[in-house]
Amino acid sequence: MAVILAGLIVRARFKNVPIWAIMAFAAFMGIAAQVVNTNEIETYVDWDVILFLIGMFSIAAMAEESGLLEYIFSSVIYRARTKRAALYLLTMTFGLLAAIAVNDAVAAMGSIIAVPVAKALSLDPELVVLVLAFSVTIGSTMTPIGNPQNMLIAVQSGVRAPLTTFLLYLAPPTIVNLVVTAYLLDRLYGVRPEPLKAPYRIPEEVIRNRRDAYISGVSLVTVIALLAVNDYLELRGRPLVRDIGVIPFTVAAATLHSLKQPKGGHKEGRLEHHTILHSDVHSHGRRLVLRHPDAPLSGPAATPLRGRLVSA
């Protein structure tokens, strides 16, 4: 932890140092200090987590690059008739999108359109940026596919029926917090219920590739549906798969073969490789920290505690 904190302090001065590099160096120090036996390093690689992250980030990147996420966003905001209604719709839309499409992808899309949206709706750009930051953070906590931390909890904690469990316990407080966030920002920035001069962009205009948008949309729905079915069967003692990371990875692999090959690029587009690496290294570091104090440093008994991970 001291290495990580020192690294974050250094990064505040040298912005070009990536967070995942700090985590990787901390993991290296843990190995160098013989916290784990070097012959057992591979046992700390959780391939289920890696497959889950690759699958979800791939599908989310497809949805973002095809214009699907902005289309969903625009379809909702287009119906706003007053500034105050637009504020609440912005908050709820960003938050709910983050819950189903990974907050990184929604943040990437939102950071591009935040200022144009603010100008179109006659809102303070600073307000829209704050709405984006708060909404994707709050909304992504509602599902195991909303952010990397939730994915790690769903895969490593051993919780039964993760999608159902997350929604059951986290959906109500998440919705409440999104509404409260919109209310507080409304009061803080004094947004008036004035009619909008012109609606935001027509939804059909934001689609960059209609075919890929359909495919990525079907992929997102398929992943959520399969996770829900797997939850139902798990509660009945007969899950489709034990390692749920296989579900988004398999769907993403099938989807990538169906997408159009971009000029001069790769089908996986802006896949968040750095986020995947950061999340994986972070998870393995926490597995060392959460080791039972009576467990040996190596051997079969040196297994991490299950069910005691919390979202960072």
C-alpha atoms as a PDB file:
ATOM      1  CA  MET A   1       0.000   0.000   0.000  1.00  0.00           C
ATOM      2  CA  ALA A   2       2.878   2.371   0.760  1.00  0.00           C
ATOM      3  CA  VAL A   3       4.257   1.846  -2.760  1.00  0.00           C
ATOM      4  CA  ILE A   4       0.843   2.559  -4.296  1.00  0.00           C
ATOM      5  CA  LEU A   5       0.345   5.731  -2.232  1.00  0.00           C
ATOM      6  CA  ALA A   6       3.846   6.947  -3.080  1.00  0.00           C
ATOM      7  CA  GLY A   7       3.199   6.220  -6.751  1.00  0.00           C
ATOM      8  CA  LEU A   8      -0.039   8.191  -6.742  1.00  0.00           C
ATOM      9  CA  ILE A   9       1.754  11.140  -5.138  1.00  0.00           C
ATOM     10  CA  VAL A  10       4.424  10.988  -7.857  1.00  0.00           C
ATOM     11  CA  ARG A  11       1.722  10.766 -10.525  1.00  0.00           C
ATOM     12  CA  ALA A  12       0.185  14.013  -9.259  1.00  0.00           C
ATOM     13  CA  ARG A  13       3.379  15.711 -10.435  1.00  0.00           C
ATOM     14  CA  PHE A  14       4.179  13.554 -13.468  1.00  0.00           C
ATOM     15  CA  LYS A  15       0.869  13.045 -15.296  1.00  0.00           C
ATOM     16  CA  ASN A  16       2.373  10.762 -17.933  1.00  0.00           C
ATOM     17  CA  VAL A  17       2.820   7.930 -15.404  1.00  0.00           C
ATOM     18  CA  PRO A  18      -0.120   5.522 -15.947  1.00  0.00           C
ATOM     19  CA  ILE A  19      -1.955   4.182 -12.896  1.00  0.00           C
ATOM     20  CA  TRP A  20      -1.617   0.594 -14.074  1.00  0.00           C
ATOM     21  CA  ALA A  21       2.175   0.988 -14.064  1.00  0.00           C
ATOM     22  CA  ILE A  22       2.049   2.002 -10.400  1.00  0.00           C
ATOM     23  CA  MET A  23      -0.091  -1.040  -9.586  1.00  0.00           C
ATOM     24  CA  ALA A  24       2.213  -3.320 -11.572  1.00  0.00           C
ATOM     25  CA  PHE A  25       5.278  -1.969  -9.760  1.00  0.00           C
ATOM     26  CA  ALA A  26       3.565  -2.499  -6.396  1.00  0.00           C
ATOM     27  CA  ALA A  27       2.799  -6.094  -7.393  1.00  0.00           C
ATOM     28  CA  PHE A  28       6.443  -6.553  -8.419  1.00  0.00           C
ATOM     29  CA  MET A  29       7.578  -5.264  -5.026  1.00  0.00           C
ATOM     30  CA  GLY A  30       5.260  -7.755  -3.349  1.00  0.00           C
ATOM     31  CA  ILE A  31       6.873 -10.571  -5.307  1.00  0.00           C
ATOM     32  CA  ALA A  32      10.394  -9.240  -4.702  1.00  0.00           C
ATOM     33  CA  ALA A  33       9.633  -9.121  -0.966  1.00  0.00           C
ATOM     34  CA  GLN A  34       8.652 -12.814  -1.183  1.00  0.00           C
ATOM     35  CA  VAL A  35       5.088 -12.220  -0.058  1.00  0.00           C
ATOM     36  CA  VAL A  36       4.256 -15.046  -2.476  1.00  0.00           C
ATOM     37  CA  ASN A  37       6.292 -17.954  -3.730  1.00  0.00           C
ATOM     38  CA  THR A  38       7.541 -17.157  -7.235  1.00  0.00           C
ATOM     39  CA  ASN A  39       6.618 -20.671  -8.325  1.00  0.00           C
ATOM     40  CA  GLU A  40       2.971 -19.959  -7.554  1.00  0.00           C
ATOM     41  CA  ILE A  41       2.551 -16.554  -9.193  1.00  0.00           C
ATOM     42  CA  GLU A  42       0.317 -18.018 -11.910  1.00  0.00           C
ATOM     43  CA  THR A  43      -2.188 -19.140  -9.247  1.00  0.00           C
ATOM     44  CA  TYR A  44      -2.967 -15.477  -8.583  1.00  0.00           C
ATOM     45  CA  VAL A  45      -4.083 -14.829 -12.165  1.00  0.00           C
ATOM     46  CA  ASP A  46      -7.876 -15.067 -12.245  1.00  0.00           C
ATOM     47  CA  TRP A  47      -8.715 -15.777 -15.873  1.00  0.00           C
ATOM     48  CA  ASP A  48     -12.420 -15.457 -15.162  1.00  0.00           C
ATOM     49  CA  VAL A  49     -11.891 -11.798 -14.219  1.00  0.00           C
ATOM     50  CA  ILE A  50      -9.717 -11.182 -17.274  1.00  0.00           C
ATOM     51  CA  LEU A  51     -12.257 -12.750 -19.648  1.00  0.00           C
ATOM     52  CA  PHE A  52     -15.065 -10.746 -18.031  1.00  0.00           C
ATOM     53  CA  LEU A  53     -13.165  -7.461 -18.420  1.00  0.00           C
ATOM     54  CA  ILE A  54     -12.077  -8.118 -22.017  1.00  0.00           C
ATOM     55  CA  GLY A  55     -15.601  -9.138 -23.022  1.00  0.00           C
ATOM     56  CA  MET A  56     -17.447  -6.215 -21.429  1.00  0.00           C
ATOM     57  CA  PHE A  57     -14.939  -3.555 -22.469  1.00  0.00           C
ATOM     58  CA  SER A  58     -14.960  -4.883 -26.042  1.00  0.00           C
ATOM     59  CA  ILE A  59     -18.753  -4.754 -26.304  1.00  0.00           C
ATOM     60  CA  ALA A  60     -18.887  -1.326 -24.644  1.00  0.00           C
ATOM     61  CA  ALA A  61     -16.238  -0.008 -27.051  1.00  0.00           C
ATOM     62  CA  MET A  62     -18.274  -1.306 -30.008  1.00  0.00           C
ATOM     63  CA  ALA A  63     -21.412   0.411 -28.705  1.00  0.00           C
ATOM     64  CA  GLU A  64     -19.559   3.680 -28.163  1.00  0.00           C
ATOM     65  CA  GLU A  65     -17.762   3.748 -31.526  1.00  0.00           C
ATOM     66  CA  SER A  66     -20.852   2.821 -33.556  1.00  0.00           C
ATOM     67  CA  GLY A  67     -22.795   5.684 -31.968  1.00  0.00           C
ATOM     68  CA  LEU A  68     -25.236   3.397 -30.133  1.00  0.00           C
ATOM     69  CA  LEU A  69     -24.613   4.891 -26.681  1.00  0.00           C
ATOM     70  CA  GLU A  70     -25.049   8.440 -27.959  1.00  0.00           C
ATOM     71  CA  TYR A  71     -28.180   7.353 -29.832  1.00  0.00           C
ATOM     72  CA  ILE A  72     -29.753   6.028 -26.612  1.00  0.00           C
ATOM     73  CA  PHE A  73     -28.680   9.196 -24.813  1.00  0.00           C
ATOM     74  CA  SER A  74     -30.030  11.470 -27.557  1.00  0.00           C
ATOM     75  CA  SER A  75     -33.344   9.581 -27.762  1.00  0.00           C
ATOM     76  CA  VAL A  76     -34.007  10.424 -24.111  1.00  0.00           C
ATOM     77  CA  ILE A  77     -32.668  14.001 -24.049  1.00  0.00           C
ATOM     78  CA  TYR A  78     -34.516  14.861 -27.280  1.00  0.00           C
ATOM     79  CA  ARG A  79     -37.757  14.667 -25.300  1.00  0.00           C
ATOM     80  CA  ALA A  80     -36.736  17.316 -22.762  1.00  0.00           C
ATOM     81  CA  ARG A  81     -38.778  20.486 -22.997  1.00  0.00           C
ATOM     82  CA  THR A  82     -37.300  22.526 -20.115  1.00  0.00           C
ATOM     83  CA  LYS A  83     -33.797  23.060 -18.735  1.00  0.00           C
ATOM     84  CA  ARG A  84     -34.694  21.453 -15.410  1.00  0.00           C
ATOM     85  CA  ALA A  85     -36.167  18.392 -17.108  1.00  0.00           C
ATOM     86  CA  ALA A  86     -33.018  18.148 -19.237  1.00  0.00           C
ATOM     87  CA  LEU A  87     -30.853  18.185 -16.101  1.00  0.00           C
ATOM     88  CA  TYR A  88     -32.753  15.300 -14.500  1.00  0.00           C
ATOM     89  CA  LEU A  89     -32.817  13.339 -17.754  1.00  0.00           C
ATOM     90  CA  LEU A  90     -29.078  13.868 -18.220  1.00  0.00           C
ATOM     91  CA  THR A  91     -28.379  12.522 -14.740  1.00  0.00           C
ATOM     92  CA  MET A  92     -30.622   9.472 -15.063  1.00  0.00           C
ATOM     93  CA  THR A  93     -29.518   8.649 -18.622  1.00  0.00           C
ATOM     94  CA  PHE A  94     -25.786   8.814 -17.921  1.00  0.00           C
ATOM     95  CA  GLY A  95     -26.266   6.783 -14.745  1.00  0.00           C
ATOM     96  CA  LEU A  96     -28.404   4.031 -16.263  1.00  0.00           C
ATOM     97  CA  LEU A  97     -26.171   3.761 -19.340  1.00  0.00           C
ATOM     98  CA  ALA A  98     -23.158   3.292 -17.053  1.00  0.00           C
ATOM     99  CA  ALA A  99     -24.983   0.434 -15.310  1.00  0.00           C
ATOM    100  CA  ILE A 100     -25.350  -1.588 -18.510  1.00  0.00           C
ATOM    101  CA  ALA A 101     -22.425  -0.519 -20.687  1.00  0.00           C
ATOM    102  CA  VAL A 102     -19.448  -0.019 -18.318  1.00  0.00           C
ATOM    103  CA  ASN A 103     -18.839   3.458 -16.921  1.00  0.00           C
ATOM    104  CA  ASP A 104     -15.556   3.908 -18.834  1.00  0.00           C
ATOM    105  CA  ALA A 105     -17.347   3.758 -22.196  1.00  0.00           C
ATOM    106  CA  VAL A 106     -20.103   6.120 -21.062  1.00  0.00           C
ATOM    107  CA  ALA A 107     -17.529   8.540 -19.643  1.00  0.00           C
ATOM    108  CA  ALA A 108     -15.603   8.452 -22.951  1.00  0.00           C
ATOM    109  CA  MET A 109     -18.770   9.185 -24.924  1.00  0.00           C
ATOM    110  CA  GLY A 110     -19.997  11.806 -22.442  1.00  0.00           C
ATOM    111  CA  SER A 111     -16.725  13.723 -22.299  1.00  0.00           C
ATOM    112  CA  ILE A 112     -16.938  14.275 -26.058  1.00  0.00           C
ATOM    113  CA  ILE A 113     -20.541  15.490 -26.125  1.00  0.00           C
ATOM    114  CA  ALA A 114     -20.685  17.318 -22.762  1.00  0.00           C
ATOM    115  CA  VAL A 115     -19.919  20.801 -24.103  1.00  0.00           C
ATOM    116  CA  PRO A 116     -22.095  20.489 -27.275  1.00  0.00           C
ATOM    117  CA  VAL A 117     -24.962  19.222 -25.084  1.00  0.00           C
ATOM    118  CA  ALA A 118     -24.516  22.143 -22.683  1.00  0.00           C
ATOM    119  CA  LYS A 119     -24.617  24.656 -25.548  1.00  0.00           C
ATOM    120  CA  ALA A 120     -27.624  23.009 -27.195  1.00  0.00           C
ATOM    121  CA  LEU A 121     -29.577  22.951 -23.931  1.00  0.00           C
ATOM    122  CA  SER A 122     -28.339  26.372 -22.751  1.00  0.00           C
ATOM    123  CA  LEU A 123     -26.807  24.861 -19.603  1.00  0.00           C
ATOM    124  CA  ASP A 124     -23.551  25.676 -17.848  1.00  0.00           C
ATOM    125  CA  PRO A 125     -20.836  23.380 -19.338  1.00  0.00           C
ATOM    126  CA  GLU A 126     -19.371  22.925 -15.858  1.00  0.00           C
ATOM    127  CA  LEU A 127     -22.746  21.648 -14.662  1.00  0.00           C
ATOM    128  CA  VAL A 128     -22.975  19.084 -17.467  1.00  0.00           C
ATOM    129  CA  VAL A 129     -19.435  17.829 -16.775  1.00  0.00           C
ATOM    130  CA  LEU A 130     -20.293  17.414 -13.080  1.00  0.00           C
ATOM    131  CA  VAL A 131     -23.502  15.589 -14.022  1.00  0.00           C
ATOM    132  CA  LEU A 132     -21.456  13.209 -16.167  1.00  0.00           C
ATOM    133  CA  ALA A 133     -18.840  12.572 -13.455  1.00  0.00           C
ATOM    134  CA  PHE A 134     -21.347  11.969 -10.659  1.00  0.00           C
ATOM    135  CA  SER A 135     -23.845  10.019 -12.747  1.00  0.00           C
ATOM    136  CA  VAL A 136     -21.497   7.438 -14.257  1.00  0.00           C
ATOM    137  CA  THR A 137     -19.891   6.846 -10.865  1.00  0.00           C
ATOM    138  CA  ILE A 138     -23.179   6.410  -9.022  1.00  0.00           C
ATOM    139  CA  GLY A 139     -25.058   4.574 -11.756  1.00  0.00           C
ATOM    140  CA  SER A 140     -22.320   2.025 -12.419  1.00  0.00           C
ATOM    141  CA  THR A 141     -22.607   0.609  -8.885  1.00  0.00           C
ATOM    142  CA  MET A 142     -26.007  -0.916  -9.679  1.00  0.00           C
ATOM    143  CA  THR A 143     -24.846  -3.947 -11.686  1.00  0.00           C
ATOM    144  CA  PRO A 144     -21.809  -6.254 -11.787  1.00  0.00           C
ATOM    145  CA  ILE A 145     -21.079  -5.067 -15.334  1.00  0.00           C
ATOM    146  CA  GLY A 146     -21.173  -1.361 -14.472  1.00  0.00           C
ATOM    147  CA  ASN A 147     -17.535  -0.954 -13.485  1.00  0.00           C
ATOM    148  CA  PRO A 148     -14.373  -3.061 -13.054  1.00  0.00           C
ATOM    149  CA  GLN A 149     -14.649  -3.093  -9.253  1.00  0.00           C
ATOM    150  CA  ASN A 150     -18.111  -4.620  -9.410  1.00  0.00           C
ATOM    151  CA  MET A 151     -16.877  -7.184 -11.924  1.00  0.00           C
ATOM    152  CA  LEU A 152     -14.143  -8.205  -9.503  1.00  0.00           C
ATOM    153  CA  ILE A 153     -16.646  -8.530  -6.675  1.00  0.00           C
ATOM    154  CA  ALA A 154     -19.048 -10.577  -8.794  1.00  0.00           C
ATOM    155  CA  VAL A 155     -16.340 -12.954  -9.982  1.00  0.00           C
ATOM    156  CA  GLN A 156     -14.104 -13.277  -6.907  1.00  0.00           C
ATOM    157  CA  SER A 157     -16.471 -12.963  -3.936  1.00  0.00           C
ATOM    158  CA  GLY A 158     -18.489 -16.086  -4.645  1.00  0.00           C
ATOM    159  CA  VAL A 159     -21.809 -14.211  -4.382  1.00  0.00           C
ATOM    160  CA  ARG A 160     -24.718 -16.227  -5.753  1.00  0.00           C
ATOM    161  CA  ALA A 161     -26.638 -14.888  -8.764  1.00  0.00           C
ATOM    162  CA  PRO A 162     -24.534 -11.689  -9.000  1.00  0.00           C
ATOM    163  CA  LEU A 163     -26.726  -9.753 -11.456  1.00  0.00           C
ATOM    164  CA  THR A 164     -29.890 -10.409  -9.449  1.00  0.00           C
ATOM    165  CA  THR A 165     -28.150  -9.751  -6.122  1.00  0.00           C
ATOM    166  CA  PHE A 166     -26.663  -6.454  -7.271  1.00  0.00           C
ATOM    167  CA  LEU A 167     -29.970  -5.194  -8.663  1.00  0.00           C
ATOM    168  CA  LEU A 168     -31.924  -6.322  -5.606  1.00  0.00           C
ATOM    169  CA  TYR A 169     -29.728  -4.506  -3.107  1.00  0.00           C
ATOM    170  CA  LEU A 170     -28.204  -1.666  -5.132  1.00  0.00           C
ATOM    171  CA  ALA A 171     -30.809  -0.573  -7.698  1.00  0.00           C
ATOM    172  CA  PRO A 172     -33.093   1.296  -5.205  1.00  0.00           C
ATOM    173  CA  PRO A 173     -30.316   3.318  -3.492  1.00  0.00           C
ATOM    174  CA  THR A 174     -28.671   4.005  -6.844  1.00  0.00           C
ATOM    175  CA  ILE A 175     -31.860   5.483  -8.328  1.00  0.00           C
ATOM    176  CA  VAL A 176     -32.424   7.543  -5.170  1.00  0.00           C
ATOM    177  CA  ASN A 177     -28.868   8.867  -5.277  1.00  0.00           C
ATOM    178  CA  LEU A 178     -29.164   9.826  -8.944  1.00  0.00           C
ATOM    179  CA  VAL A 179     -32.328  11.819  -8.211  1.00  0.00           C
ATOM    180  CA  VAL A 180     -30.722  13.467  -5.171  1.00  0.00           C
ATOM    181  CA  THR A 181     -27.638  14.325  -7.248  1.00  0.00           C
ATOM    182  CA  ALA A 182     -29.765  16.024  -9.896  1.00  0.00           C
ATOM    183  CA  TYR A 183     -31.681  17.906  -7.190  1.00  0.00           C
ATOM    184  CA  LEU A 184     -28.515  19.144  -5.454  1.00  0.00           C
ATOM    185  CA  LEU A 185     -26.925  20.276  -8.719  1.00  0.00           C
ATOM    186  CA  ASP A 186     -30.207  21.934  -9.675  1.00  0.00           C
ATOM    187  CA  ARG A 187     -30.173  23.928  -6.428  1.00  0.00           C
ATOM    188  CA  LEU A 188     -26.461  24.662  -6.568  1.00  0.00           C
ATOM    189  CA  TYR A 189     -26.507  26.033 -10.148  1.00  0.00           C
ATOM    190  CA  GLY A 190     -29.980  27.564  -9.969  1.00  0.00           C
ATOM    191  CA  VAL A 191     -31.385  25.818 -13.054  1.00  0.00           C
ATOM    192  CA  ARG A 192     -34.730  27.321 -13.962  1.00  0.00           C
ATOM    193  CA  PRO A 193     -37.656  25.467 -15.554  1.00  0.00           C
ATOM    194  CA  GLU A 194     -37.329  27.572 -18.687  1.00  0.00           C
ATOM    195  CA  PRO A 195     -38.415  26.073 -22.024  1.00  0.00           C
ATOM    196  CA  LEU A 196     -35.603  24.973 -24.288  1.00  0.00           C
ATOM    197  CA  LYS A 197     -35.091  27.015 -27.440  1.00  0.00           C
ATOM    198  CA  ALA A 198     -34.267  23.910 -29.466  1.00  0.00           C
ATOM    199  CA  PRO A 199     -34.019  20.219 -28.641  1.00  0.00           C
ATOM    200  CA  TYR A 200     -30.749  18.327 -28.669  1.00  0.00           C
ATOM    201  CA  ARG A 201     -29.641  16.536 -31.847  1.00  0.00           C
ATOM    202  CA  ILE A 202     -32.057  14.237 -33.650  1.00  0.00           C
ATOM    203  CA  PRO A 203     -31.162  10.703 -32.449  1.00  0.00           C
ATOM    204  CA  GLU A 204     -30.776   9.263 -35.960  1.00  0.00           C
ATOM    205  CA  GLU A 205     -28.026  11.788 -36.722  1.00  0.00           C
ATOM    206  CA  VAL A 206     -25.582  10.397 -34.151  1.00  0.00           C
ATOM    207  CA  ILE A 207     -25.403   6.834 -35.498  1.00  0.00           C
ATOM    208  CA  ARG A 208     -22.024   6.412 -37.198  1.00  0.00           C
ATOM    209  CA  ASN A 209     -22.516   2.818 -38.316  1.00  0.00           C
ATOM    210  CA  ARG A 210     -26.068   1.498 -38.215  1.00  0.00           C
ATOM    211  CA  ARG A 211     -25.104  -2.148 -38.744  1.00  0.00           C
ATOM    212  CA  ASP A 212     -22.477  -2.144 -35.982  1.00  0.00           C
ATOM    213  CA  ALA A 213     -24.885  -0.289 -33.680  1.00  0.00           C
ATOM    214  CA  TYR A 214     -27.480  -3.045 -34.120  1.00  0.00           C
ATOM    215  CA  ILE A 215     -24.876  -5.746 -33.537  1.00  0.00           C
ATOM    216  CA  SER A 216     -23.415  -4.125 -30.403  1.00  0.00           C
ATOM    217  CA  GLY A 217     -26.930  -3.482 -29.076  1.00  0.00           C
ATOM    218  CA  VAL A 218     -27.880  -7.118 -29.546  1.00  0.00           C
ATOM    219  CA  SER A 219     -24.612  -8.109 -27.857  1.00  0.00           C
ATOM    220  CA  LEU A 220     -25.337  -6.000 -24.774  1.00  0.00           C
ATOM    221  CA  VAL A 221     -28.861  -7.377 -24.497  1.00  0.00           C
ATOM    222  CA  THR A 222     -27.557 -10.927 -25.007  1.00  0.00           C
ATOM    223  CA  VAL A 223     -24.975 -10.600 -22.223  1.00  0.00           C
ATOM    224  CA  ILE A 224     -27.534  -9.209 -19.768  1.00  0.00           C
ATOM    225  CA  ALA A 225     -30.082 -11.876 -20.750  1.00  0.00           C
ATOM    226  CA  LEU A 226     -27.554 -14.712 -20.375  1.00  0.00           C
ATOM    227  CA  LEU A 227     -26.399 -13.392 -17.002  1.00  0.00           C
ATOM    228  CA  ALA A 228     -30.030 -13.203 -15.868  1.00  0.00           C
ATOM    229  CA  VAL A 229     -30.746 -16.754 -17.069  1.00  0.00           C
ATOM    230  CA  ASN A 230     -27.576 -17.998 -15.400  1.00  0.00           C
ATOM    231  CA  ASP A 231     -28.669 -16.305 -12.150  1.00  0.00           C
ATOM    232  CA  TYR A 232     -32.076 -17.988 -12.319  1.00  0.00           C
ATOM    233  CA  LEU A 233     -30.547 -21.400 -12.958  1.00  0.00           C
ATOM    234  CA  GLU A 234     -27.931 -20.876 -10.243  1.00  0.00           C
ATOM    235  CA  LEU A 235     -30.649 -20.137  -7.691  1.00  0.00           C
ATOM    236  CA  ARG A 236     -32.175 -23.473  -8.730  1.00  0.00           C
ATOM    237  CA  GLY A 237     -28.828 -25.192  -8.351  1.00  0.00           C
ATOM    238  CA  ARG A 238     -28.150 -25.674 -12.080  1.00  0.00           C
ATOM    239  CA  PRO A 239     -26.161 -22.699 -13.470  1.00  0.00           C
ATOM    240  CA  LEU A 240     -25.218 -22.595 -17.148  1.00  0.00           C
ATOM    241  CA  VAL A 241     -21.622 -21.731 -16.231  1.00  0.00           C
ATOM    242  CA  ARG A 242     -19.740 -21.343 -12.972  1.00  0.00           C
ATOM    243  CA  ASP A 243     -17.253 -18.835 -14.377  1.00  0.00           C
ATOM    244  CA  ILE A 244     -19.458 -15.980 -15.562  1.00  0.00           C
ATOM    245  CA  GLY A 245     -16.557 -14.230 -17.295  1.00  0.00           C
ATOM    246  CA  VAL A 246     -17.026 -16.692 -20.138  1.00  0.00           C
ATOM    247  CA  ILE A 247     -20.419 -15.139 -21.002  1.00  0.00           C
ATOM    248  CA  PRO A 248     -19.367 -11.607 -22.086  1.00  0.00           C
ATOM    249  CA  PHE A 249     -16.106 -12.901 -23.555  1.00  0.00           C
ATOM    250  CA  THR A 250     -17.889 -15.432 -25.777  1.00  0.00           C
ATOM    251  CA  VAL A 251     -20.497 -12.890 -26.908  1.00  0.00           C
ATOM    252  CA  ALA A 252     -17.777 -10.304 -27.641  1.00  0.00           C
ATOM    253  CA  ALA A 253     -15.691 -12.840 -29.591  1.00  0.00           C
ATOM    254  CA  ALA A 254     -18.687 -13.760 -31.751  1.00  0.00           C
ATOM    255  CA  THR A 255     -19.587 -10.100 -32.229  1.00  0.00           C
ATOM    256  CA  LEU A 256     -16.116  -8.974 -33.321  1.00  0.00           C
ATOM    257  CA  HIS A 257     -16.287 -11.294 -36.319  1.00  0.00           C
ATOM    258  CA  SER A 258     -19.519  -9.625 -37.432  1.00  0.00           C
ATOM    259  CA  LEU A 259     -18.361  -6.012 -37.301  1.00  0.00           C
ATOM    260  CA  LYS A 260     -17.089  -4.031 -40.247  1.00  0.00           C
ATOM    261  CA  GLN A 261     -13.314  -3.712 -40.452  1.00  0.00           C
ATOM    262  CA  PRO A 262     -12.467   0.010 -39.987  1.00  0.00           C
ATOM    263  CA  LYS A 263     -10.007   1.585 -42.381  1.00  0.00           C
ATOM    264  CA  GLY A 264      -6.491   1.448 -41.060  1.00  0.00           C
ATOM    265  CA  GLY A 265      -7.647   0.051 -37.730  1.00  0.00           C
ATOM    266  CA  HIS A 266      -8.648  -3.016 -35.822  1.00  0.00           C
ATOM    267  CA  LYS A 267     -12.089  -4.351 -35.064  1.00  0.00           C
ATOM    268  CA  GLU A 268     -11.574  -4.094 -31.324  1.00  0.00           C
ATOM    269  CA  GLY A 269     -11.297  -0.299 -31.705  1.00  0.00           C
ATOM    270  CA  ARG A 270     -10.583   1.611 -28.526  1.00  0.00           C
ATOM    271  CA  LEU A 271     -10.547  -1.387 -26.223  1.00  0.00           C
ATOM    272  CA  GLU A 272      -9.506  -0.228 -22.771  1.00  0.00           C
ATOM    273  CA  HIS A 273      -6.386  -2.412 -22.456  1.00  0.00           C
ATOM    274  CA  HIS A 274      -4.868  -0.154 -19.784  1.00  0.00           C
ATOM    275  CA  THR A 275      -8.031  -0.350 -17.678  1.00  0.00           C
ATOM    276  CA  ILE A 276      -8.112  -4.134 -17.964  1.00  0.00           C
ATOM    277  CA  LEU A 277      -4.471  -4.397 -16.880  1.00  0.00           C
ATOM    278  CA  HIS A 278      -4.966  -1.919 -14.037  1.00  0.00           C
ATOM    279  CA  SER A 279      -8.040  -3.767 -12.754  1.00  0.00           C
ATOM    280  CA  ASP A 280      -6.344  -7.162 -12.962  1.00  0.00           C
ATOM    281  CA  VAL A 281      -3.155  -6.058 -11.184  1.00  0.00           C
ATOM    282  CA  HIS A 282      -5.258  -4.233  -8.579  1.00  0.00           C
ATOM    283  CA  SER A 283      -7.333  -7.342  -7.919  1.00  0.00           C
ATOM    284  CA  HIS A 284      -4.297  -9.580  -7.443  1.00  0.00           C
ATOM    285  CA  GLY A 285      -2.739  -7.055  -5.062  1.00  0.00           C
ATOM    286  CA  ARG A 286      -5.887  -7.061  -2.946  1.00  0.00           C
ATOM    287  CA  ARG A 287      -5.912 -10.845  -2.899  1.00  0.00           C
ATOM    288  CA  LEU A 288      -2.545 -10.705  -1.130  1.00  0.00           C
ATOM    289  CA  VAL A 289      -3.801  -8.129   1.363  1.00  0.00           C
ATOM    290  CA  LEU A 290      -6.940 -10.171   2.117  1.00  0.00           C
ATOM    291  CA  ARG A 291      -5.023 -13.369   2.802  1.00  0.00           C
ATOM    292  CA  HIS A 292      -6.026 -14.945   6.111  1.00  0.00           C
ATOM    293  CA  PRO A 293      -3.427 -13.982   8.770  1.00  0.00           C
ATOM    294  CA  ASP A 294      -2.978 -17.633   9.810  1.00  0.00           C
ATOM    295  CA  ALA A 295      -2.481 -18.871   6.248  1.00  0.00           C
ATOM    296  CA  PRO A 296       1.055 -19.777   5.100  1.00  0.00           C
ATOM    297  CA  LEU A 297       2.834 -17.662   2.510  1.00  0.00           C
ATOM    298  CA  SER A 298       2.688 -20.466  -0.020  1.00  0.00           C
ATOM    299  CA  GLY A 299       1.078 -23.813  -0.669  1.00  0.00           C
ATOM    300  CA  PRO A 300      -2.542 -24.966  -1.057  1.00  0.00           C
ATOM    301  CA  ALA A 301      -3.649 -23.253   2.146  1.00  0.00           C
ATOM    302  CA  ALA A 302      -2.463 -19.866   0.907  1.00  0.00           C
ATOM    303  CA  THR A 303      -5.783 -18.987  -0.723  1.00  0.00           C
ATOM    304  CA  PRO A 304      -7.434 -15.548  -0.603  1.00  0.00           C
ATOM    305  CA  LEU A 305     -10.540 -14.984   1.425  1.00  0.00           C
ATOM    306  CA  ARG A 306     -13.784 -15.253  -0.547  1.00  0.00           C
ATOM    307  CA  GLY A 307     -16.747 -12.955  -0.110  1.00  0.00           C
ATOM    308  CA  ARG A 308     -14.867 -10.151   1.671  1.00  0.00           C
ATOM    309  CA  LEU A 309     -14.004  -7.866  -1.196  1.00  0.00           C
ATOM    310  CA  VAL A 310     -15.490  -4.404  -1.251  1.00  0.00           C
ATOM    311  CA  SER A 311     -15.727  -1.901  -4.074  1.00  0.00           C
ATOM    312  CA  ALA A 312     -12.789   0.458  -4.092  1.00  0.00           C
END
